[in-house]
PDB file of N, CA and C in Angstrom:
ATOM      1  N   MET A   1     -20.395 -10.798  14.122  1.00  0.00           N
ATOM      2  CA  MET A   1     -19.170 -11.192  14.306  1.00  0.00           C
ATOM      3  C   MET A   1     -18.316 -10.980  13.047  1.00  0.00           C
ATOM      4  N   ASN A   2     -18.801 -11.070  11.908  1.00  0.00           N
ATOM      5  CA  ASN A   2     -18.184 -10.982  10.506  1.00  0.00           C
ATOM      6  C   ASN A   2     -17.861  -9.315  10.422  1.00  0.00           C
ATOM      7  N   VAL A   3     -18.646  -8.500  10.839  1.00  0.00           N
ATOM      8  CA  VAL A   3     -18.464  -7.187  10.814  1.00  0.00           C
ATOM      9  C   VAL A   3     -17.165  -6.874  11.756  1.00  0.00           C
ATOM     10  N   HIS A   4     -17.061  -7.451  12.841  1.00  0.00           N
ATOM     11  CA  HIS A   4     -15.933  -7.093  13.676  1.00  0.00           C
ATOM     12  C   HIS A   4     -14.637  -7.735  13.020  1.00  0.00           C
ATOM     13  N   SER A   5     -14.645  -8.849  12.448  1.00  0.00           N
ATOM     14  CA  SER A   5     -13.550  -9.515  11.730  1.00  0.00           C
ATOM     15  C   SER A   5     -13.027  -8.555  10.488  1.00  0.00           C
ATOM     16  N   ARG A   6     -14.056  -8.027   9.789  1.00  0.00           N
ATOM     17  CA  ARG A   6     -13.739  -7.142   8.674  1.00  0.00           C
ATOM     18  C   ARG A   6     -13.059  -5.828   9.163  1.00  0.00           C
ATOM     19  N   ARG A   7     -13.498  -5.342  10.268  1.00  0.00           N
ATOM     20  CA  ARG A   7     -12.804  -4.105  10.839  1.00  0.00           C
ATOM     21  C   ARG A   7     -11.487  -4.410  11.258  1.00  0.00           C
ATOM     22  N   VAL A   8     -11.185  -5.504  11.909  1.00  0.00           N
ATOM     23  CA  VAL A   8      -9.766  -5.922  12.330  1.00  0.00           C
ATOM     24  C   VAL A   8      -8.908  -6.074  11.127  1.00  0.00           C
ATOM     25  N   ASP A   9      -9.494  -6.747  10.054  1.00  0.00           N
ATOM     26  CA  ASP A   9      -8.678  -6.828   8.808  1.00  0.00           C
ATOM     27  C   ASP A   9      -8.407  -5.528   8.134  1.00  0.00           C
ATOM     28  N   SER A  10      -9.099  -4.511   8.455  1.00  0.00           N
ATOM     29  CA  SER A  10      -9.321  -3.287   7.794  1.00  0.00           C
ATOM     30  C   SER A  10      -8.237  -2.564   8.377  1.00  0.00           C
ATOM     31  N   ASP A  11      -8.260  -2.539   9.794  1.00  0.00           N
ATOM     32  CA  ASP A  11      -7.401  -1.720  10.583  1.00  0.00           C
ATOM     33  C   ASP A  11      -5.891  -2.364  10.495  1.00  0.00           C
ATOM     34  N   PHE A  12      -5.704  -3.388  10.416  1.00  0.00           N
ATOM     35  CA  PHE A  12      -4.514  -4.211  10.179  1.00  0.00           C
ATOM     36  C   PHE A  12      -3.692  -3.731   8.971  1.00  0.00           C
ATOM     37  N   GLU A  13      -4.539  -3.838   7.825  1.00  0.00           N
ATOM     38  CA  GLU A  13      -4.135  -3.410   6.604  1.00  0.00           C
ATOM     39  C   GLU A  13      -3.747  -1.971   6.343  1.00  0.00           C
ATOM     40  N   ARG A  14      -4.450  -1.157   7.187  1.00  0.00           N
ATOM     41  CA  ARG A  14      -4.204   0.224   7.125  1.00  0.00           C
ATOM     42  C   ARG A  14      -2.776   0.471   8.035  1.00  0.00           C
ATOM     43  N   GLN A  15      -2.495  -0.272   9.107  1.00  0.00           N
ATOM     44  CA  GLN A  15      -1.477  -0.096   9.748  1.00  0.00           C
ATOM     45  C   GLN A  15      -0.296  -0.721   8.805  1.00  0.00           C
ATOM     46  N   LEU A  16      -0.473  -1.754   8.370  1.00  0.00           N
ATOM     47  CA  LEU A  16       0.451  -2.343   7.366  1.00  0.00           C
ATOM     48  C   LEU A  16       1.006  -1.479   6.211  1.00  0.00           C
ATOM     49  N   ILE A  17       0.091  -0.730   5.529  1.00  0.00           N
ATOM     50  CA  ILE A  17       0.366   0.141   4.479  1.00  0.00           C
ATOM     51  C   ILE A  17       1.211   1.434   5.000  1.00  0.00           C
ATOM     52  N   THR A  18       0.673   1.823   6.334  1.00  0.00           N
ATOM     53  CA  THR A  18       1.453   2.958   6.734  1.00  0.00           C
ATOM     54  C   THR A  18       2.830   2.686   7.056  1.00  0.00           C
ATOM     55  N   GLY A  19       3.141   1.527   7.702  1.00  0.00           N
ATOM     56  CA  GLY A  19       4.450   0.940   7.872  1.00  0.00           C
ATOM     57  C   GLY A  19       5.191   0.681   6.523  1.00  0.00           C
ATOM     58  N   MET A  20       4.633   0.143   5.460  1.00  0.00           N
ATOM     59  CA  MET A  20       5.306   0.155   4.081  1.00  0.00           C
ATOM     60  C   MET A  20       5.645   1.401   3.554  1.00  0.00           C
ATOM     61  N   ILE A  21       4.783   2.689   3.975  1.00  0.00           N
ATOM     62  CA  ILE A  21       5.154   3.758   3.277  1.00  0.00           C
ATOM     63  C   ILE A  21       6.148   4.544   4.084  1.00  0.00           C
ATOM     64  N   THR A  22       6.315   4.438   5.392  1.00  0.00           N
ATOM     65  CA  THR A  22       7.170   5.188   6.150  1.00  0.00           C
ATOM     66  C   THR A  22       8.301   4.417   6.620  1.00  0.00           C
ATOM     67  N   SER A  23       8.424   3.156   6.693  1.00  0.00           N
ATOM     68  CA  SER A  23       9.422   2.427   7.452  1.00  0.00           C
ATOM     69  C   SER A  23      10.346   1.514   6.464  1.00  0.00           C
ATOM     70  N   ASP A  24      11.713   1.723   6.372  1.00  0.00           N
ATOM     71  CA  ASP A  24      12.463   1.001   5.705  1.00  0.00           C
ATOM     72  C   ASP A  24      12.439  -0.600   6.287  1.00  0.00           C
ATOM     73  N   GLU A  25      12.468  -0.652   7.632  1.00  0.00           N
ATOM     74  CA  GLU A  25      12.349  -1.978   8.236  1.00  0.00           C
ATOM     75  C   GLU A  25      11.179  -2.665   7.871  1.00  0.00           C
ATOM     76  N   VAL A  26      10.135  -2.235   8.030  1.00  0.00           N
ATOM     77  CA  VAL A  26       8.772  -2.860   7.709  1.00  0.00           C
ATOM     78  C   VAL A  26       8.965  -3.324   6.214  1.00  0.00           C
ATOM     79  N   LEU A  27       9.353  -2.484   5.194  1.00  0.00           N
ATOM     80  CA  LEU A  27       9.429  -2.980   3.891  1.00  0.00           C
ATOM     81  C   LEU A  27      10.352  -4.129   3.760  1.00  0.00           C
ATOM     82  N   ARG A  28      11.455  -4.027   4.545  1.00  0.00           N
ATOM     83  CA  ARG A  28      12.536  -5.158   4.289  1.00  0.00           C
ATOM     84  C   ARG A  28      11.911  -6.493   4.831  1.00  0.00           C
ATOM     85  N   GLU A  29      11.166  -6.501   5.861  1.00  0.00           N
ATOM     86  CA  GLU A  29      10.383  -7.682   6.463  1.00  0.00           C
ATOM     87  C   GLU A  29       9.346  -8.016   5.450  1.00  0.00           C
ATOM     88  N   VAL A  30       8.655  -7.293   4.993  1.00  0.00           N
ATOM     89  CA  VAL A  30       7.330  -7.490   4.131  1.00  0.00           C
ATOM     90  C   VAL A  30       7.771  -7.966   2.773  1.00  0.00           C
ATOM     91  N   GLU A  31       8.732  -7.559   2.370  1.00  0.00           N
ATOM     92  CA  GLU A  31       9.109  -7.793   0.795  1.00  0.00           C
ATOM     93  C   GLU A  31       9.096  -9.260   0.478  1.00  0.00           C
ATOM     94  N   HIS A  32       9.333 -10.148   1.492  1.00  0.00           N
ATOM     95  CA  HIS A  32       9.665 -11.408   1.211  1.00  0.00           C
ATOM     96  C   HIS A  32       8.387 -12.268   1.675  1.00  0.00           C
ATOM     97  N   LEU A  33       7.422 -11.655   2.406  1.00  0.00           N
ATOM     98  CA  LEU A  33       6.273 -12.193   2.998  1.00  0.00           C
ATOM     99  C   LEU A  33       4.927 -11.827   2.198  1.00  0.00           C
ATOM    100  N   TYR A  34       5.029 -10.646   1.445  1.00  0.00           N
ATOM    101  CA  TYR A  34       3.817 -10.016   1.117  1.00  0.00           C
ATOM    102  C   TYR A  34       3.215 -10.983  -0.088  1.00  0.00           C
ATOM    103  N   ARG A  35       1.881 -11.093  -0.051  1.00  0.00           N
ATOM    104  CA  ARG A  35       1.117 -11.830  -0.886  1.00  0.00           C
ATOM    105  C   ARG A  35      -0.182 -10.980  -1.198  1.00  0.00           C
ATOM    106  N   PRO A  36      -0.340 -10.517  -2.494  1.00  0.00           N
ATOM    107  CA  PRO A  36      -1.475  -9.507  -2.649  1.00  0.00           C
ATOM    108  C   PRO A  36      -2.831 -10.029  -2.411  1.00  0.00           C
ATOM    109  N   GLU A  37      -2.948 -11.370  -2.661  1.00  0.00           N
ATOM    110  CA  GLU A  37      -4.131 -12.086  -2.459  1.00  0.00           C
ATOM    111  C   GLU A  37      -4.802 -12.114  -1.063  1.00  0.00           C
ATOM    112  N   LEU A  38      -3.757 -11.896  -0.121  1.00  0.00           N
ATOM    113  CA  LEU A  38      -4.205 -12.012   1.270  1.00  0.00           C
ATOM    114  C   LEU A  38      -4.825 -10.507   1.750  1.00  0.00           C
ATOM    115  N   ILE A  39      -4.512  -9.347   0.941  1.00  0.00           N
ATOM    116  CA  ILE A  39      -5.068  -8.026   1.121  1.00  0.00           C
ATOM    117  C   ILE A  39      -6.385  -7.806   0.786  1.00  0.00           C
ATOM    118  N   LYS A  40      -7.389  -7.537   1.525  1.00  0.00           N
ATOM    119  CA  LYS A  40      -8.785  -7.295   1.134  1.00  0.00           C
ATOM    120  C   LYS A  40      -9.133  -6.090   0.532  1.00  0.00           C
ATOM    121  N   VAL A  41      -8.460  -4.902   1.099  1.00  0.00           N
ATOM    122  CA  VAL A  41      -8.898  -3.631   0.680  1.00  0.00           C
ATOM    123  C   VAL A  41      -8.168  -3.300  -0.715  1.00  0.00           C
ATOM    124  N   PRO A  42      -8.936  -2.968  -1.719  1.00  0.00           N
ATOM    125  CA  PRO A  42      -8.199  -2.747  -2.910  1.00  0.00           C
ATOM    126  C   PRO A  42      -7.226  -1.790  -2.985  1.00  0.00           C
ATOM    127  N   PHE A  43      -7.387  -0.612  -2.499  1.00  0.00           N
ATOM    128  CA  PHE A  43      -6.402   0.531  -2.512  1.00  0.00           C
ATOM    129  C   PHE A  43      -5.378   0.150  -1.602  1.00  0.00           C
ATOM    130  N   VAL A  44      -5.187  -0.662  -0.587  1.00  0.00           N
ATOM    131  CA  VAL A  44      -4.196  -1.043   0.070  1.00  0.00           C
ATOM    132  C   VAL A  44      -3.329  -1.993  -0.700  1.00  0.00           C
ATOM    133  N   ARG A  45      -3.812  -2.720  -1.450  1.00  0.00           N
ATOM    134  CA  ARG A  45      -3.147  -3.713  -2.358  1.00  0.00           C
ATOM    135  C   ARG A  45      -2.295  -2.770  -3.431  1.00  0.00           C
ATOM    136  N   THR A  46      -3.070  -1.622  -3.869  1.00  0.00           N
ATOM    137  CA  THR A  46      -2.277  -0.940  -4.991  1.00  0.00           C
ATOM    138  C   THR A  46      -1.256  -0.132  -4.248  1.00  0.00           C
ATOM    139  N   VAL A  47      -1.311   0.531  -3.105  1.00  0.00           N
ATOM    140  CA  VAL A  47      -0.327   1.254  -2.586  1.00  0.00           C
ATOM    141  C   VAL A  47       0.780   0.422  -2.140  1.00  0.00           C
ATOM    142  N   ALA A  48       0.469  -0.815  -1.719  1.00  0.00           N
ATOM    143  CA  ALA A  48       1.517  -1.816  -1.149  1.00  0.00           C
ATOM    144  C   ALA A  48       2.338  -2.048  -2.338  1.00  0.00           C
ATOM    145  N   GLN A  49       1.888  -2.320  -3.652  1.00  0.00           N
ATOM    146  CA  GLN A  49       2.576  -2.663  -4.895  1.00  0.00           C
ATOM    147  C   GLN A  49       3.494  -1.451  -5.164  1.00  0.00           C
ATOM    148  N   TRP A  50       3.068  -0.312  -5.106  1.00  0.00           N
ATOM    149  CA  TRP A  50       3.863   0.967  -5.201  1.00  0.00           C
ATOM    150  C   TRP A  50       5.040   1.013  -4.384  1.00  0.00           C
ATOM    151  N   CYS A  51       4.773   0.502  -3.054  1.00  0.00           N
ATOM    152  CA  CYS A  51       5.872   0.635  -2.110  1.00  0.00           C
ATOM    153  C   CYS A  51       6.813  -0.422  -2.413  1.00  0.00           C
ATOM    154  N   LEU A  52       6.513  -1.585  -2.764  1.00  0.00           N
ATOM    155  CA  LEU A  52       7.397  -2.651  -3.075  1.00  0.00           C
ATOM    156  C   LEU A  52       8.182  -2.512  -4.334  1.00  0.00           C
ATOM    157  N   GLN A  53       7.544  -1.617  -5.393  1.00  0.00           N
ATOM    158  CA  GLN A  53       8.269  -1.237  -6.584  1.00  0.00           C
ATOM    159  C   GLN A  53       9.245  -0.209  -6.303  1.00  0.00           C
ATOM    160  N   TYR A  54       9.036   0.722  -5.386  1.00  0.00           N
ATOM    161  CA  TYR A  54       9.809   1.729  -4.713  1.00  0.00           C
ATOM    162  C   TYR A  54      11.051   1.042  -4.117  1.00  0.00           C
ATOM    163  N   TRP A  55      10.710   0.196  -3.232  1.00  0.00           N
ATOM    164  CA  TRP A  55      11.666  -0.542  -2.632  1.00  0.00           C
ATOM    165  C   TRP A  55      12.747  -1.213  -3.447  1.00  0.00           C
ATOM    166  N   GLU A  56      12.191  -1.978  -4.287  1.00  0.00           N
ATOM    167  CA  GLU A  56      13.168  -2.697  -5.271  1.00  0.00           C
ATOM    168  C   GLU A  56      14.166  -1.746  -6.030  1.00  0.00           C
ATOM    169  N   LYS A  57      13.807  -0.541  -6.387  1.00  0.00           N
ATOM    170  CA  LYS A  57      14.517   0.557  -7.175  1.00  0.00           C
ATOM    171  C   LYS A  57      15.455   1.161  -6.047  1.00  0.00           C
ATOM    172  N   TYR A  58      14.965   1.582  -4.942  1.00  0.00           N
ATOM    173  CA  TYR A  58      15.772   2.558  -4.049  1.00  0.00           C
ATOM    174  C   TYR A  58      16.200   1.901  -2.798  1.00  0.00           C
ATOM    175  N   GLN A  59      15.700   0.686  -2.388  1.00  0.00           N
ATOM    176  CA  GLN A  59      15.953  -0.012  -1.032  1.00  0.00           C
ATOM    177  C   GLN A  59      15.622   0.896   0.087  1.00  0.00           C
ATOM    178  N   LYS A  60      14.662   1.740  -0.153  1.00  0.00           N
ATOM    179  CA  LYS A  60      14.064   2.485   1.164  1.00  0.00           C
ATOM    180  C   LYS A  60      12.576   2.699   0.912  1.00  0.00           C
ATOM    181  N   ALA A  61      11.889   3.067   1.912  1.00  0.00           N
ATOM    182  CA  ALA A  61      10.369   3.283   1.978  1.00  0.00           C
ATOM    183  C   ALA A  61      10.333   4.606   1.160  1.00  0.00           C
ATOM    184  N   PRO A  62       9.183   4.703   0.664  1.00  0.00           N
ATOM    185  CA  PRO A  62       8.937   5.827  -0.120  1.00  0.00           C
ATOM    186  C   PRO A  62       8.674   7.280   0.586  1.00  0.00           C
ATOM    187  N   ARG A  63       8.114   7.022   1.750  1.00  0.00           N
ATOM    188  CA  ARG A  63       7.847   8.194   2.581  1.00  0.00           C
ATOM    189  C   ARG A  63       7.183   9.293   1.813  1.00  0.00           C
ATOM    190  N   LYS A  64       7.578  10.542   1.738  1.00  0.00           N
ATOM    191  CA  LYS A  64       6.860  11.600   1.204  1.00  0.00           C
ATOM    192  C   LYS A  64       6.696  11.427  -0.376  1.00  0.00           C
ATOM    193  N   ASP A  65       7.599  10.585  -0.979  1.00  0.00           N
ATOM    194  CA  ASP A  65       7.630  10.211  -2.373  1.00  0.00           C
ATOM    195  C   ASP A  65       6.105   9.522  -2.782  1.00  0.00           C
ATOM    196  N   ILE A  66       5.515   9.003  -1.841  1.00  0.00           N
ATOM    197  CA  ILE A  66       4.055   8.301  -2.227  1.00  0.00           C
ATOM    198  C   ILE A  66       3.223   9.323  -2.889  1.00  0.00           C
ATOM    199  N   GLN A  67       3.328  10.620  -2.420  1.00  0.00           N
ATOM    200  CA  GLN A  67       2.439  11.469  -3.000  1.00  0.00           C
ATOM    201  C   GLN A  67       2.662  11.777  -4.382  1.00  0.00           C
ATOM    202  N   ASN A  68       4.101  11.727  -4.989  1.00  0.00           N
ATOM    203  CA  ASN A  68       4.318  11.820  -6.264  1.00  0.00           C
ATOM    204  C   ASN A  68       3.958  10.542  -7.031  1.00  0.00           C
ATOM    205  N   ILE A  69       4.094   9.406  -6.529  1.00  0.00           N
ATOM    206  CA  ILE A  69       3.646   8.114  -7.055  1.00  0.00           C
ATOM    207  C   ILE A  69       2.197   8.333  -7.397  1.00  0.00           C
ATOM    208  N   PHE A  70       1.491   8.602  -6.484  1.00  0.00           N
ATOM    209  CA  PHE A  70       0.013   8.758  -6.361  1.00  0.00           C
ATOM    210  C   PHE A  70      -0.322   9.834  -7.654  1.00  0.00           C
ATOM    211  N   ASN A  71       0.243  10.938  -7.554  1.00  0.00           N
ATOM    212  CA  ASN A  71      -0.073  11.948  -8.646  1.00  0.00           C
ATOM    213  C   ASN A  71       0.272  11.447  -9.940  1.00  0.00           C
ATOM    214  N   HIS A  72       1.292  10.792 -10.177  1.00  0.00           N
ATOM    215  CA  HIS A  72       1.727  10.129 -11.546  1.00  0.00           C
ATOM    216  C   HIS A  72       0.520   9.188 -11.869  1.00  0.00           C
ATOM    217  N   HIS A  73       0.198   8.279 -11.009  1.00  0.00           N
ATOM    218  CA  HIS A  73      -0.795   7.291 -11.519  1.00  0.00           C
ATOM    219  C   HIS A  73      -2.182   7.954 -11.799  1.00  0.00           C
ATOM    220  N   VAL A  74      -2.499   8.957 -11.056  1.00  0.00           N
ATOM    221  CA  VAL A  74      -3.763   9.627 -11.267  1.00  0.00           C
ATOM    222  C   VAL A  74      -3.669  10.396 -12.755  1.00  0.00           C
ATOM    223  N   THR A  75      -2.685  11.151 -13.007  1.00  0.00           N
ATOM    224  CA  THR A  75      -2.414  11.995 -14.217  1.00  0.00           C
ATOM    225  C   THR A  75      -2.328  11.098 -15.414  1.00  0.00           C
ATOM    226  N   THR A  76      -1.811   9.918 -15.269  1.00  0.00           N
ATOM    227  CA  THR A  76      -1.455   8.902 -16.456  1.00  0.00           C
ATOM    228  C   THR A  76      -2.736   8.103 -16.511  1.00  0.00           C
ATOM    229  N   ASN A  77      -3.753   8.267 -15.796  1.00  0.00           N
ATOM    230  CA  ASN A  77      -5.046   7.377 -15.707  1.00  0.00           C
ATOM    231  C   ASN A  77      -4.692   5.889 -15.446  1.00  0.00           C
ATOM    232  N   LYS A  78      -3.659   5.654 -14.721  1.00  0.00           N
ATOM    233  CA  LYS A  78      -3.448   4.277 -14.201  1.00  0.00           C
ATOM    234  C   LYS A  78      -4.002   3.756 -13.098  1.00  0.00           C
ATOM    235  N   LEU A  79      -4.735   4.727 -12.529  1.00  0.00           N
ATOM    236  CA  LEU A  79      -5.525   4.507 -11.149  1.00  0.00           C
ATOM    237  C   LEU A  79      -6.946   4.727 -11.531  1.00  0.00           C
ATOM    238  N   PRO A  80      -7.769   3.580 -11.216  1.00  0.00           N
ATOM    239  CA  PRO A  80      -9.364   3.811 -11.280  1.00  0.00           C
ATOM    240  C   PRO A  80      -9.735   5.012 -10.401  1.00  0.00           C
ATOM    241  N   PRO A  81     -10.610   5.766 -10.908  1.00  0.00           N
ATOM    242  CA  PRO A  81     -11.194   6.921  -9.992  1.00  0.00           C
ATOM    243  C   PRO A  81     -11.640   6.395  -8.689  1.00  0.00           C
ATOM    244  N   ASP A  82     -12.374   5.319  -8.463  1.00  0.00           N
ATOM    245  CA  ASP A  82     -12.720   4.935  -7.325  1.00  0.00           C
ATOM    246  C   ASP A  82     -11.566   4.755  -6.242  1.00  0.00           C
ATOM    247  N   GLN A  83     -10.474   4.072  -6.855  1.00  0.00           N
ATOM    248  CA  GLN A  83      -9.433   3.771  -5.791  1.00  0.00           C
ATOM    249  C   GLN A  83      -8.679   5.099  -5.584  1.00  0.00           C
ATOM    250  N   ALA A  84      -8.639   5.969  -6.590  1.00  0.00           N
ATOM    251  CA  ALA A  84      -8.023   7.322  -6.276  1.00  0.00           C
ATOM    252  C   ALA A  84      -8.721   8.004  -5.142  1.00  0.00           C
ATOM    253  N   GLU A  85      -9.991   8.013  -5.196  1.00  0.00           N
ATOM    254  CA  GLU A  85     -10.837   8.653  -4.086  1.00  0.00           C
ATOM    255  C   GLU A  85     -10.647   7.965  -2.850  1.00  0.00           C
ATOM    256  N   ALA A  86     -10.537   6.488  -2.706  1.00  0.00           N
ATOM    257  CA  ALA A  86     -10.230   5.866  -1.538  1.00  0.00           C
ATOM    258  C   ALA A  86      -8.842   6.202  -0.898  1.00  0.00           C
ATOM    259  N   ILE A  87      -7.995   6.379  -1.703  1.00  0.00           N
ATOM    260  CA  ILE A  87      -6.529   6.618  -1.240  1.00  0.00           C
ATOM    261  C   ILE A  87      -6.460   8.121  -0.717  1.00  0.00           C
TER     262      ILE A  87
END
């Protein structure tokens, strides 16, 4: 039963992060509700933080710019290799 629970959490977190990357509406709603300690998958927590920082600056979802954000974090060694691989 615990395995099933973990899979549901993981699926939800993947859906959440996809919405945060691609949807202004999702980011607008999540901005006030998001609490990183509730996210279990480390790379989802990392990408969610990037999305929220992008939202604060531009008031829109990063969409394709998420690749540039990822590349920046990899090239400046701000992202642990295990998380880079997971993302």
